[in-house]
Amino acid sequence: MAKGKEFKKFKPKSTKNFKTGEIQDPINYDLCKPIFSFYNMQYGQNACLSQCDLPNKSSVTDKIVLLSQLTWREIKSQPRTKLGYEKIPQQQFNVSLPNPPVTPEVSIKVFRHSGSGRIAGYRVNDVYHILVVGDNLYNH
């Protein structure tokens, strides 16, 4: 290093808008709109979207688009036969659910997308993970 030249000392920028130790309020995910994920769906398997006919694929897509316009709080307040969902115990399913992520304590929420068509998955925060779609997924 040349004589007389030193590194400049680092001076932090203004911190007047930042308070150290400030804790943010936790996010209320019920006030968020749902995000839909097919990550855990077993592609090509029974009860996969790829196995549905075109009218059912269209119906599933329409339902997801419609639900994505609402918050989770609004969805919870809807009847299960319309835009709401119902919880179905895992033991009632006729199709296999991926394991993991579906462990015994995971609550499966089922939406109706047509007369007998269902979308089954689970919710983590604001993300609804779709596992299976189709007809006759579970025993009533």
N, C-alpha and C. Protein backbone atom coordinates (compact mmCIF):
# COMPACT_ATOMS: atom_id res chain seq x y z
N MET A 1 0.84 -1.17 0.00
CA MET A 1 0.00 0.00 0.00
C MET A 1 0.89 1.23 0.00
N ALA A 2 0.51 2.23 -0.75
CA ALA A 2 1.31 3.45 -0.87
C ALA A 2 1.31 4.21 0.44
N LYS A 3 2.41 4.96 0.64
CA LYS A 3 2.51 5.75 1.87
C LYS A 3 1.44 6.82 1.89
N GLY A 4 0.91 7.03 3.06
CA GLY A 4 -0.09 8.06 3.26
C GLY A 4 -1.49 7.67 2.82
N LYS A 5 -1.61 6.53 2.20
CA LYS A 5 -2.94 6.07 1.77
C LYS A 5 -3.41 4.98 2.73
N GLU A 6 -4.55 5.19 3.31
CA GLU A 6 -5.13 4.21 4.22
C GLU A 6 -6.54 3.89 3.75
N PHE A 7 -6.99 2.76 4.20
CA PHE A 7 -8.37 2.41 3.89
C PHE A 7 -9.30 3.36 4.62
N LYS A 8 -10.37 3.71 3.95
CA LYS A 8 -11.37 4.54 4.61
C LYS A 8 -12.11 3.68 5.61
N LYS A 9 -12.42 4.28 6.73
CA LYS A 9 -13.18 3.56 7.74
C LYS A 9 -14.64 3.47 7.28
N PHE A 10 -15.22 2.33 7.55
CA PHE A 10 -16.61 2.09 7.17
C PHE A 10 -17.53 2.90 8.06
N LYS A 11 -18.40 3.67 7.44
CA LYS A 11 -19.40 4.43 8.19
C LYS A 11 -20.77 3.93 7.76
N PRO A 12 -21.51 3.34 8.69
CA PRO A 12 -22.84 2.84 8.31
C PRO A 12 -23.75 3.97 7.88
N LYS A 13 -24.64 3.65 6.96
CA LYS A 13 -25.61 4.64 6.52
C LYS A 13 -26.60 4.91 7.65
N SER A 14 -27.37 5.91 7.48
CA SER A 14 -28.34 6.32 8.50
C SER A 14 -29.23 5.15 8.91
N THR A 15 -29.49 5.04 10.17
CA THR A 15 -30.34 3.97 10.68
C THR A 15 -31.58 4.54 11.39
N LYS A 16 -31.96 5.75 11.01
CA LYS A 16 -33.09 6.37 11.71
C LYS A 16 -34.40 5.64 11.48
N ASN A 17 -34.54 4.87 10.37
CA ASN A 17 -35.77 4.13 10.10
C ASN A 17 -35.70 2.69 10.61
N PHE A 18 -34.60 2.33 11.20
CA PHE A 18 -34.41 0.97 11.67
C PHE A 18 -34.16 0.98 13.16
N LYS A 19 -34.93 0.23 13.88
CA LYS A 19 -34.77 0.14 15.34
C LYS A 19 -34.23 -1.24 15.66
N THR A 20 -33.10 -1.29 16.31
CA THR A 20 -32.53 -2.58 16.67
C THR A 20 -33.42 -3.26 17.69
N GLY A 21 -33.55 -4.55 17.55
CA GLY A 21 -34.36 -5.31 18.49
C GLY A 21 -35.84 -5.23 18.21
N GLU A 22 -36.23 -4.56 17.11
CA GLU A 22 -37.65 -4.44 16.79
C GLU A 22 -38.18 -5.79 16.34
N ILE A 23 -39.26 -6.22 16.92
CA ILE A 23 -39.88 -7.50 16.59
C ILE A 23 -41.12 -7.21 15.76
N GLN A 24 -41.19 -7.87 14.62
CA GLN A 24 -42.35 -7.70 13.77
C GLN A 24 -43.49 -8.59 14.25
N ASP A 25 -44.72 -8.14 14.02
CA ASP A 25 -45.88 -8.95 14.37
C ASP A 25 -45.89 -10.19 13.48
N PRO A 26 -46.31 -11.33 14.02
CA PRO A 26 -46.39 -12.54 13.19
C PRO A 26 -47.44 -12.35 12.10
N ILE A 27 -47.24 -13.02 10.99
CA ILE A 27 -48.17 -12.92 9.87
C ILE A 27 -49.42 -13.74 10.16
N ASN A 28 -50.57 -13.14 9.94
CA ASN A 28 -51.83 -13.86 10.04
C ASN A 28 -52.15 -14.41 8.65
N TYR A 29 -51.84 -15.68 8.43
CA TYR A 29 -52.00 -16.28 7.10
C TYR A 29 -53.45 -16.41 6.68
N ASP A 30 -54.38 -16.31 7.63
CA ASP A 30 -55.79 -16.35 7.27
C ASP A 30 -56.20 -15.11 6.48
N LEU A 31 -55.40 -14.05 6.57
CA LEU A 31 -55.69 -12.82 5.83
C LEU A 31 -55.02 -12.81 4.46
N CYS A 32 -54.27 -13.85 4.15
CA CYS A 32 -53.56 -13.97 2.87
C CYS A 32 -54.40 -14.78 1.88
N LYS A 33 -54.15 -14.54 0.62
CA LYS A 33 -54.76 -15.36 -0.42
C LYS A 33 -53.94 -16.64 -0.55
N PRO A 34 -54.60 -17.76 -0.88
CA PRO A 34 -53.87 -19.02 -0.97
C PRO A 34 -52.93 -19.08 -2.16
N ILE A 35 -51.85 -19.81 -1.95
CA ILE A 35 -50.91 -20.15 -3.02
C ILE A 35 -51.07 -21.65 -3.22
N PHE A 36 -51.22 -22.09 -4.45
CA PHE A 36 -51.46 -23.50 -4.73
C PHE A 36 -50.19 -24.14 -5.26
N SER A 37 -49.87 -25.33 -4.72
CA SER A 37 -48.66 -26.04 -5.11
C SER A 37 -49.00 -27.48 -5.51
N PHE A 38 -48.42 -27.92 -6.63
CA PHE A 38 -48.54 -29.31 -7.08
C PHE A 38 -47.25 -30.08 -6.80
N TYR A 39 -46.35 -29.50 -6.04
CA TYR A 39 -45.03 -30.08 -5.80
C TYR A 39 -45.09 -31.52 -5.29
N ASN A 40 -46.02 -31.82 -4.39
CA ASN A 40 -46.10 -33.15 -3.79
C ASN A 40 -47.04 -34.12 -4.50
N MET A 41 -47.63 -33.68 -5.61
CA MET A 41 -48.48 -34.59 -6.37
C MET A 41 -47.59 -35.58 -7.11
N GLN A 42 -47.96 -36.83 -7.09
CA GLN A 42 -47.17 -37.87 -7.74
C GLN A 42 -47.60 -37.97 -9.20
N TYR A 43 -46.83 -37.33 -10.07
CA TYR A 43 -47.19 -37.22 -11.49
C TYR A 43 -47.33 -38.60 -12.13
N GLY A 44 -48.42 -38.74 -12.87
CA GLY A 44 -48.67 -39.98 -13.61
C GLY A 44 -49.33 -41.07 -12.79
N GLN A 45 -49.41 -40.90 -11.50
CA GLN A 45 -50.02 -41.91 -10.64
C GLN A 45 -51.54 -41.74 -10.64
N ASN A 46 -52.22 -42.71 -10.06
CA ASN A 46 -53.66 -42.64 -9.89
C ASN A 46 -54.00 -41.38 -9.08
N ALA A 47 -55.05 -40.69 -9.44
CA ALA A 47 -55.52 -39.48 -8.77
C ALA A 47 -54.58 -38.29 -8.97
N CYS A 48 -53.85 -38.32 -10.07
CA CYS A 48 -53.00 -37.18 -10.46
C CYS A 48 -53.78 -36.36 -11.50
N LEU A 49 -53.53 -35.09 -11.55
CA LEU A 49 -54.20 -34.22 -12.51
C LEU A 49 -53.96 -34.70 -13.94
N SER A 50 -52.81 -35.30 -14.19
CA SER A 50 -52.50 -35.80 -15.54
C SER A 50 -53.43 -36.94 -15.96
N GLN A 51 -54.07 -37.60 -15.00
CA GLN A 51 -54.97 -38.72 -15.30
C GLN A 51 -56.42 -38.27 -15.51
N CYS A 52 -56.70 -36.99 -15.28
CA CYS A 52 -58.06 -36.46 -15.43
C CYS A 52 -58.35 -36.17 -16.90
N ASP A 53 -59.65 -36.26 -17.26
CA ASP A 53 -60.03 -35.88 -18.61
C ASP A 53 -60.09 -34.35 -18.70
N LEU A 54 -60.24 -33.84 -19.91
CA LEU A 54 -60.18 -32.39 -20.14
C LEU A 54 -61.23 -31.61 -19.34
N PRO A 55 -62.50 -32.05 -19.29
CA PRO A 55 -63.48 -31.29 -18.49
C PRO A 55 -63.10 -31.21 -17.01
N ASN A 56 -62.54 -32.29 -16.44
CA ASN A 56 -62.13 -32.25 -15.03
C ASN A 56 -60.90 -31.36 -14.82
N LYS A 57 -59.96 -31.41 -15.76
CA LYS A 57 -58.80 -30.50 -15.67
C LYS A 57 -59.25 -29.05 -15.69
N SER A 58 -60.20 -28.76 -16.56
CA SER A 58 -60.74 -27.41 -16.66
C SER A 58 -61.44 -27.01 -15.37
N SER A 59 -62.20 -27.92 -14.80
CA SER A 59 -62.93 -27.66 -13.57
C SER A 59 -61.97 -27.41 -12.40
N VAL A 60 -60.90 -28.20 -12.32
CA VAL A 60 -59.90 -28.01 -11.27
C VAL A 60 -59.25 -26.63 -11.41
N THR A 61 -58.88 -26.28 -12.63
CA THR A 61 -58.25 -24.99 -12.88
C THR A 61 -59.19 -23.84 -12.52
N ASP A 62 -60.44 -23.94 -12.94
CA ASP A 62 -61.42 -22.89 -12.61
C ASP A 62 -61.55 -22.72 -11.11
N LYS A 63 -61.60 -23.83 -10.38
CA LYS A 63 -61.75 -23.78 -8.92
C LYS A 63 -60.54 -23.10 -8.28
N ILE A 64 -59.34 -23.46 -8.73
CA ILE A 64 -58.12 -22.88 -8.17
C ILE A 64 -58.06 -21.37 -8.44
N VAL A 65 -58.40 -20.97 -9.65
CA VAL A 65 -58.40 -19.54 -9.98
C VAL A 65 -59.42 -18.80 -9.11
N LEU A 66 -60.60 -19.36 -8.95
CA LEU A 66 -61.63 -18.74 -8.12
C LEU A 66 -61.19 -18.63 -6.66
N LEU A 67 -60.63 -19.71 -6.11
CA LEU A 67 -60.18 -19.69 -4.72
C LEU A 67 -59.01 -18.73 -4.50
N SER A 68 -58.19 -18.55 -5.53
CA SER A 68 -57.02 -17.68 -5.37
C SER A 68 -57.41 -16.20 -5.27
N GLN A 69 -58.66 -15.89 -5.51
CA GLN A 69 -59.14 -14.50 -5.38
C GLN A 69 -59.63 -14.19 -3.97
N LEU A 70 -59.75 -15.22 -3.13
CA LEU A 70 -60.25 -15.06 -1.76
C LEU A 70 -59.11 -15.20 -0.76
N THR A 71 -59.34 -14.73 0.47
CA THR A 71 -58.39 -14.99 1.54
C THR A 71 -58.76 -16.31 2.21
N TRP A 72 -57.83 -16.84 2.99
CA TRP A 72 -58.14 -18.08 3.71
C TRP A 72 -59.31 -17.87 4.67
N ARG A 73 -59.42 -16.71 5.26
CA ARG A 73 -60.54 -16.43 6.17
C ARG A 73 -61.87 -16.51 5.40
N GLU A 74 -61.90 -15.94 4.20
CA GLU A 74 -63.12 -15.99 3.40
C GLU A 74 -63.44 -17.42 2.98
N ILE A 75 -62.42 -18.19 2.63
CA ILE A 75 -62.64 -19.59 2.24
C ILE A 75 -63.19 -20.38 3.42
N LYS A 76 -62.63 -20.17 4.61
CA LYS A 76 -63.10 -20.90 5.81
C LYS A 76 -64.57 -20.62 6.11
N SER A 77 -65.03 -19.42 5.75
CA SER A 77 -66.41 -19.04 6.08
C SER A 77 -67.42 -19.55 5.06
N GLN A 78 -66.95 -20.14 3.97
CA GLN A 78 -67.83 -20.64 2.92
C GLN A 78 -68.33 -22.04 3.24
N PRO A 79 -69.52 -22.40 2.74
CA PRO A 79 -69.99 -23.78 2.91
C PRO A 79 -69.12 -24.74 2.10
N ARG A 80 -68.97 -25.95 2.58
CA ARG A 80 -68.11 -26.93 1.92
C ARG A 80 -68.59 -27.30 0.53
N THR A 81 -69.87 -27.12 0.27
CA THR A 81 -70.42 -27.45 -1.04
C THR A 81 -70.19 -26.34 -2.08
N LYS A 82 -69.72 -25.20 -1.64
CA LYS A 82 -69.48 -24.08 -2.56
C LYS A 82 -67.97 -23.85 -2.68
N LEU A 83 -67.46 -22.84 -1.99
CA LEU A 83 -66.04 -22.50 -2.06
C LEU A 83 -65.25 -22.97 -0.85
N GLY A 84 -65.94 -23.53 0.13
CA GLY A 84 -65.26 -24.00 1.34
C GLY A 84 -64.66 -25.38 1.17
N TYR A 85 -64.16 -25.91 2.25
CA TYR A 85 -63.55 -27.24 2.24
C TYR A 85 -64.05 -28.03 3.44
N GLU A 86 -63.78 -29.32 3.40
CA GLU A 86 -64.07 -30.16 4.55
C GLU A 86 -62.82 -30.95 4.89
N LYS A 87 -62.67 -31.28 6.17
CA LYS A 87 -61.54 -32.08 6.61
C LYS A 87 -61.94 -33.55 6.56
N ILE A 88 -61.11 -34.35 5.93
CA ILE A 88 -61.37 -35.79 5.80
C ILE A 88 -60.22 -36.54 6.45
N PRO A 89 -60.51 -37.46 7.37
CA PRO A 89 -59.43 -38.26 7.98
C PRO A 89 -58.69 -39.07 6.92
N GLN A 90 -57.39 -39.18 7.08
CA GLN A 90 -56.56 -39.89 6.11
C GLN A 90 -57.00 -41.34 5.91
N GLN A 91 -57.54 -41.97 6.95
CA GLN A 91 -57.94 -43.38 6.88
C GLN A 91 -59.09 -43.59 5.90
N GLN A 92 -59.84 -42.55 5.56
CA GLN A 92 -60.99 -42.68 4.68
C GLN A 92 -60.61 -42.64 3.20
N PHE A 93 -59.37 -42.32 2.87
CA PHE A 93 -58.97 -42.20 1.47
C PHE A 93 -58.79 -43.55 0.81
N ASN A 94 -59.29 -43.65 -0.44
CA ASN A 94 -59.15 -44.87 -1.25
C ASN A 94 -57.84 -44.86 -2.04
N VAL A 95 -57.22 -43.71 -2.16
CA VAL A 95 -55.98 -43.57 -2.91
C VAL A 95 -54.84 -43.32 -1.92
N SER A 96 -53.64 -43.69 -2.34
CA SER A 96 -52.51 -43.48 -1.43
C SER A 96 -52.07 -42.02 -1.48
N LEU A 97 -51.78 -41.50 -0.30
CA LEU A 97 -51.28 -40.14 -0.16
C LEU A 97 -49.76 -40.21 0.00
N PRO A 98 -49.02 -39.31 -0.61
CA PRO A 98 -47.56 -39.37 -0.54
C PRO A 98 -47.05 -39.31 0.90
N ASN A 99 -46.13 -40.17 1.23
CA ASN A 99 -45.58 -40.21 2.58
C ASN A 99 -44.07 -40.23 2.51
N PRO A 100 -43.31 -39.27 3.02
CA PRO A 100 -43.79 -37.96 3.43
C PRO A 100 -44.23 -37.15 2.24
N PRO A 101 -44.88 -36.09 2.39
CA PRO A 101 -45.04 -35.21 3.52
C PRO A 101 -46.25 -35.52 4.40
N VAL A 102 -47.10 -36.47 3.97
CA VAL A 102 -48.32 -36.71 4.73
C VAL A 102 -48.04 -37.70 5.86
N THR A 103 -47.95 -37.16 7.04
CA THR A 103 -47.79 -37.97 8.25
C THR A 103 -49.12 -38.01 8.97
N PRO A 104 -49.30 -38.89 9.94
CA PRO A 104 -50.62 -39.05 10.57
C PRO A 104 -51.24 -37.76 11.14
N GLU A 105 -50.42 -36.81 11.56
CA GLU A 105 -50.99 -35.60 12.17
C GLU A 105 -51.40 -34.54 11.14
N VAL A 106 -51.11 -34.76 9.86
CA VAL A 106 -51.47 -33.79 8.81
C VAL A 106 -52.97 -33.86 8.55
N SER A 107 -53.60 -32.69 8.59
CA SER A 107 -55.03 -32.58 8.34
C SER A 107 -55.27 -32.39 6.84
N ILE A 108 -56.05 -33.29 6.23
CA ILE A 108 -56.34 -33.21 4.79
C ILE A 108 -57.61 -32.40 4.58
N LYS A 109 -57.48 -31.36 3.77
CA LYS A 109 -58.61 -30.50 3.44
C LYS A 109 -59.01 -30.78 2.00
N VAL A 110 -60.32 -30.95 1.78
CA VAL A 110 -60.83 -31.34 0.47
C VAL A 110 -61.79 -30.27 -0.06
N PHE A 111 -61.51 -29.80 -1.27
CA PHE A 111 -62.39 -28.88 -1.99
C PHE A 111 -63.14 -29.68 -3.05
N ARG A 112 -64.34 -29.22 -3.37
CA ARG A 112 -65.11 -29.80 -4.47
C ARG A 112 -64.86 -28.95 -5.71
N HIS A 113 -64.56 -29.61 -6.83
CA HIS A 113 -64.38 -28.84 -8.05
C HIS A 113 -65.49 -29.12 -9.06
N SER A 114 -66.25 -30.18 -8.85
CA SER A 114 -67.40 -30.49 -9.70
C SER A 114 -68.34 -31.37 -8.88
N GLY A 115 -69.33 -31.94 -9.51
CA GLY A 115 -70.30 -32.77 -8.79
C GLY A 115 -69.65 -33.78 -7.86
N SER A 116 -68.84 -34.68 -8.40
CA SER A 116 -68.17 -35.68 -7.56
C SER A 116 -66.65 -35.48 -7.55
N GLY A 117 -66.16 -34.47 -8.25
CA GLY A 117 -64.73 -34.22 -8.31
C GLY A 117 -64.20 -33.53 -7.06
N ARG A 118 -63.04 -33.96 -6.61
CA ARG A 118 -62.44 -33.41 -5.39
C ARG A 118 -60.98 -33.05 -5.62
N ILE A 119 -60.54 -32.08 -4.82
CA ILE A 119 -59.13 -31.67 -4.76
C ILE A 119 -58.71 -31.85 -3.31
N ALA A 120 -57.78 -32.74 -3.04
CA ALA A 120 -57.37 -33.01 -1.67
C ALA A 120 -55.92 -32.60 -1.45
N GLY A 121 -55.68 -31.97 -0.31
CA GLY A 121 -54.33 -31.54 0.02
C GLY A 121 -54.25 -31.06 1.45
N TYR A 122 -53.17 -30.39 1.76
CA TYR A 122 -52.99 -29.87 3.11
C TYR A 122 -52.45 -28.45 3.02
N ARG A 123 -52.65 -27.71 4.08
CA ARG A 123 -52.26 -26.31 4.13
C ARG A 123 -51.09 -26.12 5.08
N VAL A 124 -50.11 -25.34 4.63
CA VAL A 124 -49.02 -24.87 5.49
C VAL A 124 -48.93 -23.36 5.28
N ASN A 125 -49.22 -22.61 6.32
CA ASN A 125 -49.28 -21.15 6.25
C ASN A 125 -50.28 -20.74 5.17
N ASP A 126 -49.83 -20.08 4.10
CA ASP A 126 -50.77 -19.67 3.07
C ASP A 126 -50.71 -20.57 1.83
N VAL A 127 -49.92 -21.65 1.89
CA VAL A 127 -49.76 -22.55 0.75
C VAL A 127 -50.64 -23.80 0.93
N TYR A 128 -51.42 -24.09 -0.10
CA TYR A 128 -52.23 -25.32 -0.13
C TYR A 128 -51.52 -26.29 -1.07
N HIS A 129 -51.02 -27.37 -0.51
CA HIS A 129 -50.29 -28.39 -1.26
C HIS A 129 -51.28 -29.42 -1.77
N ILE A 130 -51.51 -29.43 -3.08
CA ILE A 130 -52.45 -30.37 -3.69
C ILE A 130 -51.77 -31.73 -3.83
N LEU A 131 -52.42 -32.75 -3.28
CA LEU A 131 -51.87 -34.11 -3.31
C LEU A 131 -52.54 -34.98 -4.36
N VAL A 132 -53.86 -34.97 -4.39
CA VAL A 132 -54.61 -35.82 -5.31
C VAL A 132 -55.84 -35.07 -5.80
N VAL A 133 -56.29 -35.41 -7.01
CA VAL A 133 -57.54 -34.88 -7.55
C VAL A 133 -58.29 -36.02 -8.22
N GLY A 134 -59.60 -35.90 -8.28
CA GLY A 134 -60.39 -36.92 -8.97
C GLY A 134 -61.70 -37.21 -8.28
N ASP A 135 -62.35 -38.27 -8.76
CA ASP A 135 -63.62 -38.73 -8.20
C ASP A 135 -63.36 -39.89 -7.25
N ASN A 136 -64.25 -40.07 -6.31
CA ASN A 136 -64.19 -41.22 -5.39
C ASN A 136 -62.83 -41.37 -4.71
N LEU A 137 -62.34 -40.28 -4.18
CA LEU A 137 -61.03 -40.32 -3.51
C LEU A 137 -61.11 -40.93 -2.11
N TYR A 138 -62.30 -40.87 -1.50
CA TYR A 138 -62.44 -41.32 -0.12
C TYR A 138 -63.84 -41.89 0.12
N ASN A 139 -63.96 -42.66 1.20
CA ASN A 139 -65.25 -43.23 1.60
C ASN A 139 -65.99 -42.22 2.46
N HIS A 140 -67.30 -42.16 2.27
CA HIS A 140 -68.12 -41.24 3.06
C HIS A 140 -68.66 -41.94 4.28
